[in-house]
């Protein structure tokens, strides 16, 4: 579901007794990675 939501797909190859291979394909994007900005953290409200 997560891969499909990101316009990708998953393939599976399996042979009984020999193992299984999963491949996840996600599309490339032309956007530069977002710069991480430190957000101030508020103390968690205790229950």
ModelCIF file with pLDDT and N, C-alpha, C, O atoms, coordinates in Angstrom:
data_MODEL
#
_entry.id   MODEL 
#
_entity.id                         1 
_entity.type                       polymer 
_entity.pdbx_number_of_molecules   1 
#
_entity_poly.entity_id                      1 
_entity_poly.type                           'polypeptide(L)' 
_entity_poly.nstd_linkage                   no 
_entity_poly.nstd_monomer                   no 
_entity_poly.pdbx_seq_one_letter_code       
;(UNK)(UNK)(UNK)(UNK)(UNK)(UNK)(UNK)(UNK)(UNK)(UNK)(UNK)(UNK)(UNK)(UNK)(UNK)(UNK)
(UNK)(UNK)(UNK)(UNK)(UNK)(UNK)(UNK)(UNK)(UNK)(UNK)(UNK)(UNK)(UNK)(UNK)(UNK)(UNK)
(UNK)(UNK)(UNK)(UNK)(UNK)(UNK)(UNK)(UNK)(UNK)(UNK)(UNK)(UNK)(UNK)(UNK)(UNK)
;
_entity_poly.pdbx_seq_one_letter_code_can   XXXXXXXXXXXXXXXXXXXXXXXXXXXXXXXXXXXXXXXXXXXXXXX 
_entity_poly.pdbx_strand_id                 A 
#
loop_
_entity_poly_seq.entity_id 
_entity_poly_seq.num 
_entity_poly_seq.mon_id 
_entity_poly_seq.hetero 
1 1  UNK n 
1 2  UNK n 
1 3  UNK n 
1 4  UNK n 
1 5  UNK n 
1 6  UNK n 
1 7  UNK n 
1 8  UNK n 
1 9  UNK n 
1 10 UNK n 
1 11 UNK n 
1 12 UNK n 
1 13 UNK n 
1 14 UNK n 
1 15 UNK n 
1 16 UNK n 
1 17 UNK n 
1 18 UNK n 
1 19 UNK n 
1 20 UNK n 
1 21 UNK n 
1 22 UNK n 
1 23 UNK n 
1 24 UNK n 
1 25 UNK n 
1 26 UNK n 
1 27 UNK n 
1 28 UNK n 
1 29 UNK n 
1 30 UNK n 
1 31 UNK n 
1 32 UNK n 
1 33 UNK n 
1 34 UNK n 
1 35 UNK n 
1 36 UNK n 
1 37 UNK n 
1 38 UNK n 
1 39 UNK n 
1 40 UNK n 
1 41 UNK n 
1 42 UNK n 
1 43 UNK n 
1 44 UNK n 
1 45 UNK n 
1 46 UNK n 
1 47 UNK n 
#
_struct_asym.id          A 
_struct_asym.entity_id   1 
#
loop_
_ma_qa_metric.id 
_ma_qa_metric.mode 
_ma_qa_metric.name 
_ma_qa_metric.software_group_id 
_ma_qa_metric.type 
1 global pLDDT . pLDDT 
2 local  pLDDT . pLDDT 
#
_ma_qa_metric_global.metric_id      1 
_ma_qa_metric_global.metric_value   82.38 
_ma_qa_metric_global.model_id       1 
_ma_qa_metric_global.ordinal_id     1 
#
loop_
_ma_qa_metric_local.label_asym_id 
_ma_qa_metric_local.label_comp_id 
_ma_qa_metric_local.label_seq_id 
_ma_qa_metric_local.metric_id 
_ma_qa_metric_local.metric_value 
_ma_qa_metric_local.model_id 
_ma_qa_metric_local.ordinal_id 
A UNK 1  2 87.00 1 1  
A UNK 2  2 89.00 1 2  
A UNK 3  2 89.00 1 3  
A UNK 4  2 89.00 1 4  
A UNK 5  2 89.00 1 5  
A UNK 6  2 89.00 1 6  
A UNK 7  2 89.00 1 7  
A UNK 8  2 91.00 1 8  
A UNK 9  2 91.00 1 9  
A UNK 10 2 90.00 1 10 
A UNK 11 2 90.00 1 11 
A UNK 12 2 89.00 1 12 
A UNK 13 2 89.00 1 13 
A UNK 14 2 88.00 1 14 
A UNK 15 2 85.00 1 15 
A UNK 16 2 83.00 1 16 
A UNK 17 2 84.00 1 17 
A UNK 18 2 86.00 1 18 
A UNK 19 2 89.00 1 19 
A UNK 20 2 89.00 1 20 
A UNK 21 2 92.00 1 21 
A UNK 22 2 90.00 1 22 
A UNK 23 2 92.00 1 23 
A UNK 24 2 93.00 1 24 
A UNK 25 2 92.00 1 25 
A UNK 26 2 90.00 1 26 
A UNK 27 2 89.00 1 27 
A UNK 28 2 84.00 1 28 
A UNK 29 2 77.00 1 29 
A UNK 30 2 74.00 1 30 
A UNK 31 2 74.00 1 31 
A UNK 32 2 72.00 1 32 
A UNK 33 2 71.00 1 33 
A UNK 34 2 73.00 1 34 
A UNK 35 2 75.00 1 35 
A UNK 36 2 76.00 1 36 
A UNK 37 2 75.00 1 37 
A UNK 38 2 77.00 1 38 
A UNK 39 2 75.00 1 39 
A UNK 40 2 74.00 1 40 
A UNK 41 2 74.00 1 41 
A UNK 42 2 68.00 1 42 
A UNK 43 2 69.00 1 43 
A UNK 44 2 63.00 1 44 
A UNK 45 2 68.00 1 45 
A UNK 46 2 73.00 1 46 
A UNK 47 2 77.00 1 47 
#
loop_
_atom_site.group_PDB 
_atom_site.id 
_atom_site.type_symbol 
_atom_site.label_atom_id 
_atom_site.label_alt_id 
_atom_site.label_comp_id 
_atom_site.label_asym_id 
_atom_site.label_entity_id 
_atom_site.label_seq_id 
_atom_site.pdbx_PDB_ins_code 
_atom_site.Cartn_x 
_atom_site.Cartn_y 
_atom_site.Cartn_z 
_atom_site.occupancy 
_atom_site.B_iso_or_equiv 
_atom_site.pdbx_formal_charge 
_atom_site.auth_seq_id 
_atom_site.auth_comp_id 
_atom_site.auth_asym_id 
_atom_site.auth_atom_id 
_atom_site.pdbx_PDB_model_num 
ATOM 1   N N  . UNK A 1 1  ? 0.816  -1.220  0.000   1.00 87.00 ? 1  UNK A N  1 
ATOM 2   C CA . UNK A 1 1  ? 0.000  0.000   0.000   1.00 87.00 ? 1  UNK A CA 1 
ATOM 3   C C  . UNK A 1 1  ? 0.847  1.266   0.000   1.00 87.00 ? 1  UNK A C  1 
ATOM 4   O O  . UNK A 1 1  ? 0.544  2.215   -0.723  1.00 87.00 ? 1  UNK A O  1 
ATOM 5   N N  . UNK A 1 2  ? 1.894  1.287   0.798   1.00 89.00 ? 2  UNK A N  1 
ATOM 6   C CA . UNK A 1 2  ? 2.767  2.461   0.861   1.00 89.00 ? 2  UNK A CA 1 
ATOM 7   C C  . UNK A 1 2  ? 3.464  2.675   -0.482  1.00 89.00 ? 2  UNK A C  1 
ATOM 8   O O  . UNK A 1 2  ? 3.531  3.800   -0.976  1.00 89.00 ? 2  UNK A O  1 
ATOM 9   N N  . UNK A 1 3  ? 3.973  1.611   -1.061  1.00 89.00 ? 3  UNK A N  1 
ATOM 10  C CA . UNK A 1 3  ? 4.656  1.721   -2.355  1.00 89.00 ? 3  UNK A CA 1 
ATOM 11  C C  . UNK A 1 3  ? 3.682  2.219   -3.425  1.00 89.00 ? 3  UNK A C  1 
ATOM 12  O O  . UNK A 1 3  ? 4.040  3.083   -4.225  1.00 89.00 ? 3  UNK A O  1 
ATOM 13  N N  . UNK A 1 4  ? 2.456  1.687   -3.451  1.00 89.00 ? 4  UNK A N  1 
ATOM 14  C CA . UNK A 1 4  ? 1.451  2.125   -4.442  1.00 89.00 ? 4  UNK A CA 1 
ATOM 15  C C  . UNK A 1 4  ? 1.101  3.600   -4.248  1.00 89.00 ? 4  UNK A C  1 
ATOM 16  O O  . UNK A 1 4  ? 0.918  4.323   -5.228  1.00 89.00 ? 4  UNK A O  1 
ATOM 17  N N  . UNK A 1 5  ? 1.004  4.059   -2.990  1.00 89.00 ? 5  UNK A N  1 
ATOM 18  C CA . UNK A 1 5  ? 0.688  5.464   -2.718  1.00 89.00 ? 5  UNK A CA 1 
ATOM 19  C C  . UNK A 1 5  ? 1.769  6.396   -3.253  1.00 89.00 ? 5  UNK A C  1 
ATOM 20  O O  . UNK A 1 5  ? 1.513  7.572   -3.510  1.00 89.00 ? 5  UNK A O  1 
ATOM 21  N N  . UNK A 1 6  ? 2.963  5.870   -3.418  1.00 89.00 ? 6  UNK A N  1 
ATOM 22  C CA . UNK A 1 6  ? 4.069  6.675   -3.940  1.00 89.00 ? 6  UNK A CA 1 
ATOM 23  C C  . UNK A 1 6  ? 4.333  6.379   -5.424  1.00 89.00 ? 6  UNK A C  1 
ATOM 24  O O  . UNK A 1 6  ? 5.425  6.615   -5.941  1.00 89.00 ? 6  UNK A O  1 
ATOM 25  N N  . UNK A 1 7  ? 3.300  5.857   -6.086  1.00 89.00 ? 7  UNK A N  1 
ATOM 26  C CA . UNK A 1 7  ? 3.346  5.564   -7.523  1.00 89.00 ? 7  UNK A CA 1 
ATOM 27  C C  . UNK A 1 7  ? 4.433  4.569   -7.894  1.00 89.00 ? 7  UNK A C  1 
ATOM 28  O O  . UNK A 1 7  ? 5.036  4.666   -8.963  1.00 89.00 ? 7  UNK A O  1 
ATOM 29  N N  . UNK A 1 8  ? 4.680  3.620   -7.013  1.00 91.00 ? 8  UNK A N  1 
ATOM 30  C CA . UNK A 1 8  ? 5.665  2.592   -7.294  1.00 91.00 ? 8  UNK A CA 1 
ATOM 31  C C  . UNK A 1 8  ? 5.003  1.233   -7.411  1.00 91.00 ? 8  UNK A C  1 
ATOM 32  O O  . UNK A 1 8  ? 3.777  1.121   -7.419  1.00 91.00 ? 8  UNK A O  1 
ATOM 33  N N  . UNK A 1 9  ? 5.825  0.206   -7.501  1.00 91.00 ? 9  UNK A N  1 
ATOM 34  C CA . UNK A 1 9  ? 5.284  -1.148  -7.536  1.00 91.00 ? 9  UNK A CA 1 
ATOM 35  C C  . UNK A 1 9  ? 6.289  -2.118  -6.922  1.00 91.00 ? 9  UNK A C  1 
ATOM 36  O O  . UNK A 1 9  ? 7.471  -1.807  -6.775  1.00 91.00 ? 9  UNK A O  1 
ATOM 37  N N  . UNK A 1 10 ? 5.792  -3.296  -6.570  1.00 90.00 ? 10 UNK A N  1 
ATOM 38  C CA . UNK A 1 10 ? 6.599  -4.333  -5.932  1.00 90.00 ? 10 UNK A CA 1 
ATOM 39  C C  . UNK A 1 10 ? 6.507  -5.584  -6.794  1.00 90.00 ? 10 UNK A C  1 
ATOM 40  O O  . UNK A 1 10 ? 5.428  -5.952  -7.258  1.00 90.00 ? 10 UNK A O  1 
ATOM 41  N N  . UNK A 1 11 ? 7.649  -6.235  -7.006  1.00 90.00 ? 11 UNK A N  1 
ATOM 42  C CA . UNK A 1 11 ? 7.634  -7.528  -7.690  1.00 90.00 ? 11 UNK A CA 1 
ATOM 43  C C  . UNK A 1 11 ? 8.150  -8.585  -6.731  1.00 90.00 ? 11 UNK A C  1 
ATOM 44  O O  . UNK A 1 11 ? 8.912  -8.291  -5.809  1.00 90.00 ? 11 UNK A O  1 
ATOM 45  N N  . UNK A 1 12 ? 7.727  -9.812  -6.960  1.00 89.00 ? 12 UNK A N  1 
ATOM 46  C CA . UNK A 1 12 ? 8.195  -10.924 -6.141  1.00 89.00 ? 12 UNK A CA 1 
ATOM 47  C C  . UNK A 1 12 ? 8.563  -12.080 -7.058  1.00 89.00 ? 12 UNK A C  1 
ATOM 48  O O  . UNK A 1 12 ? 7.817  -12.437 -7.969  1.00 89.00 ? 12 UNK A O  1 
ATOM 49  N N  . UNK A 1 13 ? 9.722  -12.651 -6.798  1.00 89.00 ? 13 UNK A N  1 
ATOM 50  C CA . UNK A 1 13 ? 10.166 -13.848 -7.512  1.00 89.00 ? 13 UNK A CA 1 
ATOM 51  C C  . UNK A 1 13 ? 10.456 -14.889 -6.450  1.00 89.00 ? 13 UNK A C  1 
ATOM 52  O O  . UNK A 1 13 ? 11.194 -14.627 -5.499  1.00 89.00 ? 13 UNK A O  1 
ATOM 53  N N  . UNK A 1 14 ? 9.879  -16.067 -6.609  1.00 88.00 ? 14 UNK A N  1 
ATOM 54  C CA . UNK A 1 14 ? 10.086 -17.097 -5.602  1.00 88.00 ? 14 UNK A CA 1 
ATOM 55  C C  . UNK A 1 14 ? 10.112 -18.464 -6.250  1.00 88.00 ? 14 UNK A C  1 
ATOM 56  O O  . UNK A 1 14 ? 9.353  -18.752 -7.176  1.00 88.00 ? 14 UNK A O  1 
ATOM 57  N N  . UNK A 1 15 ? 10.984 -19.285 -5.751  1.00 85.00 ? 15 UNK A N  1 
ATOM 58  C CA . UNK A 1 15 ? 11.053 -20.660 -6.192  1.00 85.00 ? 15 UNK A CA 1 
ATOM 59  C C  . UNK A 1 15 ? 11.091 -21.509 -4.932  1.00 85.00 ? 15 UNK A C  1 
ATOM 60  O O  . UNK A 1 15 ? 11.984 -21.358 -4.098  1.00 85.00 ? 15 UNK A O  1 
ATOM 61  N N  . UNK A 1 16 ? 10.128 -22.394 -4.799  1.00 83.00 ? 16 UNK A N  1 
ATOM 62  C CA . UNK A 1 16 ? 10.001 -23.198 -3.586  1.00 83.00 ? 16 UNK A CA 1 
ATOM 63  C C  . UNK A 1 16 ? 11.320 -23.898 -3.274  1.00 83.00 ? 16 UNK A C  1 
ATOM 64  O O  . UNK A 1 16 ? 11.888 -24.599 -4.112  1.00 83.00 ? 16 UNK A O  1 
ATOM 65  N N  . UNK A 1 17 ? 11.790 -23.689 -2.044  1.00 84.00 ? 17 UNK A N  1 
ATOM 66  C CA . UNK A 1 17 ? 13.027 -24.305 -1.595  1.00 84.00 ? 17 UNK A CA 1 
ATOM 67  C C  . UNK A 1 17 ? 14.287 -23.542 -1.963  1.00 84.00 ? 17 UNK A C  1 
ATOM 68  O O  . UNK A 1 17 ? 15.383 -23.905 -1.535  1.00 84.00 ? 17 UNK A O  1 
ATOM 69  N N  . UNK A 1 18 ? 14.136 -22.473 -2.764  1.00 86.00 ? 18 UNK A N  1 
ATOM 70  C CA . UNK A 1 18 ? 15.324 -21.726 -3.210  1.00 86.00 ? 18 UNK A CA 1 
ATOM 71  C C  . UNK A 1 18 ? 15.365 -20.299 -2.677  1.00 86.00 ? 18 UNK A C  1 
ATOM 72  O O  . UNK A 1 18 ? 16.420 -19.666 -2.710  1.00 86.00 ? 18 UNK A O  1 
ATOM 73  N N  . UNK A 1 19 ? 14.255 -19.784 -2.194  1.00 89.00 ? 19 UNK A N  1 
ATOM 74  C CA . UNK A 1 19 ? 14.233 -18.425 -1.662  1.00 89.00 ? 19 UNK A CA 1 
ATOM 75  C C  . UNK A 1 19 ? 13.307 -17.510 -2.435  1.00 89.00 ? 19 UNK A C  1 
ATOM 76  O O  . UNK A 1 19 ? 12.720 -17.884 -3.450  1.00 89.00 ? 19 UNK A O  1 
ATOM 77  N N  . UNK A 1 20 ? 13.196 -16.297 -1.917  1.00 89.00 ? 20 UNK A N  1 
ATOM 78  C CA . UNK A 1 20 ? 12.283 -15.307 -2.473  1.00 89.00 ? 20 UNK A CA 1 
ATOM 79  C C  . UNK A 1 20 ? 13.003 -13.971 -2.591  1.00 89.00 ? 20 UNK A C  1 
ATOM 80  O O  . UNK A 1 20 ? 13.781 -13.599 -1.713  1.00 89.00 ? 20 UNK A O  1 
ATOM 81  N N  . UNK A 1 21 ? 12.743 -13.251 -3.678  1.00 92.00 ? 21 UNK A N  1 
ATOM 82  C CA . UNK A 1 21 ? 13.303 -11.920 -3.877  1.00 92.00 ? 21 UNK A CA 1 
ATOM 83  C C  . UNK A 1 21 ? 12.164 -10.941 -4.092  1.00 92.00 ? 21 UNK A C  1 
ATOM 84  O O  . UNK A 1 21 ? 11.306 -11.143 -4.951  1.00 92.00 ? 21 UNK A O  1 
ATOM 85  N N  . UNK A 1 22 ? 12.168 -9.873  -3.299  1.00 90.00 ? 22 UNK A N  1 
ATOM 86  C CA . UNK A 1 22 ? 11.209 -8.782  -3.469  1.00 90.00 ? 22 UNK A CA 1 
ATOM 87  C C  . UNK A 1 22 ? 11.985 -7.595  -4.026  1.00 90.00 ? 22 UNK A C  1 
ATOM 88  O O  . UNK A 1 22 ? 13.094 -7.301  -3.581  1.00 90.00 ? 22 UNK A O  1 
ATOM 89  N N  . UNK A 1 23 ? 11.394 -6.923  -4.995  1.00 92.00 ? 23 UNK A N  1 
ATOM 90  C CA . UNK A 1 23 ? 11.987 -5.702  -5.532  1.00 92.00 ? 23 UNK A CA 1 
ATOM 91  C C  . UNK A 1 23 ? 10.950 -4.588  -5.417  1.00 92.00 ? 23 UNK A C  1 
ATOM 92  O O  . UNK A 1 23 ? 9.791  -4.749  -5.799  1.00 92.00 ? 23 UNK A O  1 
ATOM 93  N N  . UNK A 1 24 ? 11.397 -3.460  -4.884  1.00 93.00 ? 24 UNK A N  1 
ATOM 94  C CA . UNK A 1 24 ? 10.530 -2.295  -4.731  1.00 93.00 ? 24 UNK A CA 1 
ATOM 95  C C  . UNK A 1 24 ? 11.025 -1.235  -5.702  1.00 93.00 ? 24 UNK A C  1 
ATOM 96  O O  . UNK A 1 24 ? 12.200 -0.866  -5.690  1.00 93.00 ? 24 UNK A O  1 
ATOM 97  N N  . UNK A 1 25 ? 10.123 -0.752  -6.540  1.00 92.00 ? 25 UNK A N  1 
ATOM 98  C CA . UNK A 1 25 ? 10.447 0.269   -7.534  1.00 92.00 ? 25 UNK A CA 1 
ATOM 99  C C  . UNK A 1 25 ? 9.671  1.539   -7.195  1.00 92.00 ? 25 UNK A C  1 
ATOM 100 O O  . UNK A 1 25 ? 8.445  1.530   -7.084  1.00 92.00 ? 25 UNK A O  1 
ATOM 101 N N  . UNK A 1 26 ? 10.419 2.627   -7.034  1.00 90.00 ? 26 UNK A N  1 
ATOM 102 C CA . UNK A 1 26 ? 9.811  3.928   -6.754  1.00 90.00 ? 26 UNK A CA 1 
ATOM 103 C C  . UNK A 1 26 ? 10.253 4.904   -7.828  1.00 90.00 ? 26 UNK A C  1 
ATOM 104 O O  . UNK A 1 26 ? 11.382 4.818   -8.312  1.00 90.00 ? 26 UNK A O  1 
ATOM 105 N N  . UNK A 1 27 ? 9.382  5.837   -8.210  1.00 89.00 ? 27 UNK A N  1 
ATOM 106 C CA . UNK A 1 27 ? 9.751  6.781   -9.269  1.00 89.00 ? 27 UNK A CA 1 
ATOM 107 C C  . UNK A 1 27 ? 10.800 7.789   -8.792  1.00 89.00 ? 27 UNK A C  1 
ATOM 108 O O  . UNK A 1 27 ? 10.855 8.150   -7.616  1.00 89.00 ? 27 UNK A O  1 
ATOM 109 N N  . UNK A 1 28 ? 11.619 8.226   -9.732  1.00 84.00 ? 28 UNK A N  1 
ATOM 110 C CA . UNK A 1 28 ? 12.571 9.300   -9.445  1.00 84.00 ? 28 UNK A CA 1 
ATOM 111 C C  . UNK A 1 28 ? 11.826 10.615  -9.395  1.00 84.00 ? 28 UNK A C  1 
ATOM 112 O O  . UNK A 1 28 ? 10.754 10.758  -9.983  1.00 84.00 ? 28 UNK A O  1 
ATOM 113 N N  . UNK A 1 29 ? 12.385 11.552  -8.707  1.00 77.00 ? 29 UNK A N  1 
ATOM 114 C CA . UNK A 1 29 ? 11.785 12.873  -8.662  1.00 77.00 ? 29 UNK A CA 1 
ATOM 115 C C  . UNK A 1 29 ? 12.847 13.891  -9.045  1.00 77.00 ? 29 UNK A C  1 
ATOM 116 O O  . UNK A 1 29 ? 14.033 13.687  -8.790  1.00 77.00 ? 29 UNK A O  1 
ATOM 117 N N  . UNK A 1 30 ? 12.426 14.970  -9.650  1.00 74.00 ? 30 UNK A N  1 
ATOM 118 C CA . UNK A 1 30 ? 13.355 16.016  -10.061 1.00 74.00 ? 30 UNK A CA 1 
ATOM 119 C C  . UNK A 1 30 ? 13.589 17.033  -8.959  1.00 74.00 ? 30 UNK A C  1 
ATOM 120 O O  . UNK A 1 30 ? 14.377 17.962  -9.136  1.00 74.00 ? 30 UNK A O  1 
ATOM 121 N N  . UNK A 1 31 ? 12.935 16.877  -7.851  1.00 74.00 ? 31 UNK A N  1 
ATOM 122 C CA . UNK A 1 31 ? 13.062 17.854  -6.768  1.00 74.00 ? 31 UNK A CA 1 
ATOM 123 C C  . UNK A 1 31 ? 14.297 17.551  -5.924  1.00 74.00 ? 31 UNK A C  1 
ATOM 124 O O  . UNK A 1 31 ? 14.669 16.397  -5.711  1.00 74.00 ? 31 UNK A O  1 
ATOM 125 N N  . UNK A 1 32 ? 14.911 18.623  -5.456  1.00 72.00 ? 32 UNK A N  1 
ATOM 126 C CA . UNK A 1 32 ? 16.036 18.472  -4.536  1.00 72.00 ? 32 UNK A CA 1 
ATOM 127 C C  . UNK A 1 32 ? 15.493 18.060  -3.173  1.00 72.00 ? 32 UNK A C  1 
ATOM 128 O O  . UNK A 1 32 ? 14.364 18.408  -2.824  1.00 72.00 ? 32 UNK A O  1 
ATOM 129 N N  . UNK A 1 33 ? 16.278 17.329  -2.408  1.00 71.00 ? 33 UNK A N  1 
ATOM 130 C CA . UNK A 1 33 ? 15.813 16.955  -1.068  1.00 71.00 ? 33 UNK A CA 1 
ATOM 131 C C  . UNK A 1 33 ? 15.552 18.190  -0.218  1.00 71.00 ? 33 UNK A C  1 
ATOM 132 O O  . UNK A 1 33 ? 16.261 19.191  -0.315  1.00 71.00 ? 33 UNK A O  1 
ATOM 133 N N  . UNK A 1 34 ? 14.538 18.102  0.603   1.00 73.00 ? 34 UNK A N  1 
ATOM 134 C CA . UNK A 1 34 ? 14.217 19.220  1.493   1.00 73.00 ? 34 UNK A CA 1 
ATOM 135 C C  . UNK A 1 34 ? 15.276 19.333  2.571   1.00 73.00 ? 34 UNK A C  1 
ATOM 136 O O  . UNK A 1 34 ? 15.753 18.336  3.114   1.00 73.00 ? 34 UNK A O  1 
ATOM 137 N N  . UNK A 1 35 ? 15.627 20.568  2.865   1.00 75.00 ? 35 UNK A N  1 
ATOM 138 C CA . UNK A 1 35 ? 16.593 20.799  3.930   1.00 75.00 ? 35 UNK A CA 1 
ATOM 139 C C  . UNK A 1 35 ? 15.879 20.613  5.263   1.00 75.00 ? 35 UNK A C  1 
ATOM 140 O O  . UNK A 1 35 ? 14.795 21.155  5.476   1.00 75.00 ? 35 UNK A O  1 
ATOM 141 N N  . UNK A 1 36 ? 16.482 19.855  6.146   1.00 76.00 ? 36 UNK A N  1 
ATOM 142 C CA . UNK A 1 36 ? 15.869 19.627  7.439   1.00 76.00 ? 36 UNK A CA 1 
ATOM 143 C C  . UNK A 1 36 ? 16.023 20.870  8.301   1.00 76.00 ? 36 UNK A C  1 
ATOM 144 O O  . UNK A 1 36 ? 17.113 21.426  8.436   1.00 76.00 ? 36 UNK A O  1 
ATOM 145 N N  . UNK A 1 37 ? 14.921 21.284  8.871   1.00 75.00 ? 37 UNK A N  1 
ATOM 146 C CA . UNK A 1 37 ? 14.921 22.435  9.758   1.00 75.00 ? 37 UNK A CA 1 
ATOM 147 C C  . UNK A 1 37 ? 14.600 21.923  11.152  1.00 75.00 ? 37 UNK A C  1 
ATOM 148 O O  . UNK A 1 37 ? 13.607 21.226  11.362  1.00 75.00 ? 37 UNK A O  1 
ATOM 149 N N  . UNK A 1 38 ? 15.444 22.276  12.088  1.00 77.00 ? 38 UNK A N  1 
ATOM 150 C CA . UNK A 1 38 ? 15.193 21.858  13.461  1.00 77.00 ? 38 UNK A CA 1 
ATOM 151 C C  . UNK A 1 38 ? 14.001 22.623  14.002  1.00 77.00 ? 38 UNK A C  1 
ATOM 152 O O  . UNK A 1 38 ? 13.995 23.854  14.035  1.00 77.00 ? 38 UNK A O  1 
ATOM 153 N N  . UNK A 1 39 ? 12.998 21.882  14.422  1.00 75.00 ? 39 UNK A N  1 
ATOM 154 C CA . UNK A 1 39 ? 11.827 22.504  15.024  1.00 75.00 ? 39 UNK A CA 1 
ATOM 155 C C  . UNK A 1 39 ? 11.982 22.439  16.535  1.00 75.00 ? 39 UNK A C  1 
ATOM 156 O O  . UNK A 1 39 ? 12.421 21.426  17.081  1.00 75.00 ? 39 UNK A O  1 
ATOM 157 N N  . UNK A 1 40 ? 11.624 23.506  17.194  1.00 74.00 ? 40 UNK A N  1 
ATOM 158 C CA . UNK A 1 40 ? 11.727 23.456  18.652  1.00 74.00 ? 40 UNK A CA 1 
ATOM 159 C C  . UNK A 1 40 ? 10.769 22.394  19.200  1.00 74.00 ? 40 UNK A C  1 
ATOM 160 O O  . UNK A 1 40 ? 9.627  22.279  18.755  1.00 74.00 ? 40 UNK A O  1 
ATOM 161 N N  . UNK A 1 41 ? 11.246 21.642  20.148  1.00 74.00 ? 41 UNK A N  1 
ATOM 162 C CA . UNK A 1 41 ? 10.398 20.605  20.722  1.00 74.00 ? 41 UNK A CA 1 
ATOM 163 C C  . UNK A 1 41 ? 9.797  21.107  22.024  1.00 74.00 ? 41 UNK A C  1 
ATOM 164 O O  . UNK A 1 41 ? 10.471 21.710  22.859  1.00 74.00 ? 41 UNK A O  1 
ATOM 165 N N  . UNK A 1 42 ? 8.535  20.844  22.164  1.00 68.00 ? 42 UNK A N  1 
ATOM 166 C CA . UNK A 1 42 ? 7.838  21.203  23.384  1.00 68.00 ? 42 UNK A CA 1 
ATOM 167 C C  . UNK A 1 42 ? 7.835  19.988  24.302  1.00 68.00 ? 42 UNK A C  1 
ATOM 168 O O  . UNK A 1 42 ? 7.760  18.853  23.830  1.00 68.00 ? 42 UNK A O  1 
ATOM 169 N N  . UNK A 1 43 ? 7.913  20.212  25.578  1.00 69.00 ? 43 UNK A N  1 
ATOM 170 C CA . UNK A 1 43 ? 7.864  19.053  26.469  1.00 69.00 ? 43 UNK A CA 1 
ATOM 171 C C  . UNK A 1 43 ? 6.522  18.342  26.333  1.00 69.00 ? 43 UNK A C  1 
ATOM 172 O O  . UNK A 1 43 ? 5.471  18.976  26.242  1.00 69.00 ? 43 UNK A O  1 
ATOM 173 N N  . UNK A 1 44 ? 6.579  17.021  26.321  1.00 63.00 ? 44 UNK A N  1 
ATOM 174 C CA . UNK A 1 44 ? 5.353  16.239  26.189  1.00 63.00 ? 44 UNK A CA 1 
ATOM 175 C C  . UNK A 1 44 ? 4.490  16.430  27.425  1.00 63.00 ? 44 UNK A C  1 
ATOM 176 O O  . UNK A 1 44 ? 4.980  16.449  28.554  1.00 63.00 ? 44 UNK A O  1 
ATOM 177 N N  . UNK A 1 45 ? 3.205  16.569  27.184  1.00 68.00 ? 45 UNK A N  1 
ATOM 178 C CA . UNK A 1 45 ? 2.265  16.676  28.302  1.00 68.00 ? 45 UNK A CA 1 
ATOM 179 C C  . UNK A 1 45 ? 2.178  15.299  28.963  1.00 68.00 ? 45 UNK A C  1 
ATOM 180 O O  . UNK A 1 45 ? 1.934  14.294  28.295  1.00 68.00 ? 45 UNK A O  1 
ATOM 181 N N  . UNK A 1 46 ? 2.375  15.269  30.237  1.00 73.00 ? 46 UNK A N  1 
ATOM 182 C CA . UNK A 1 46 ? 2.327  14.007  30.960  1.00 73.00 ? 46 UNK A CA 1 
ATOM 183 C C  . UNK A 1 46 ? 0.882  13.659  31.267  1.00 73.00 ? 46 UNK A C  1 
ATOM 184 O O  . UNK A 1 46 ? 0.068  14.528  31.581  1.00 73.00 ? 46 UNK A O  1 
ATOM 185 N N  . UNK A 1 47 ? 0.582  12.384  31.171  1.00 77.00 ? 47 UNK A N  1 
ATOM 186 C CA . UNK A 1 47 ? -0.774 11.912  31.385  1.00 77.00 ? 47 UNK A CA 1 
ATOM 187 C C  . UNK A 1 47 ? -1.158 11.888  32.848  1.00 77.00 ? 47 UNK A C  1 
ATOM 188 O O  . UNK A 1 47 ? -2.280 11.510  33.185  1.00 77.00 ? 47 UNK A O  1 
#
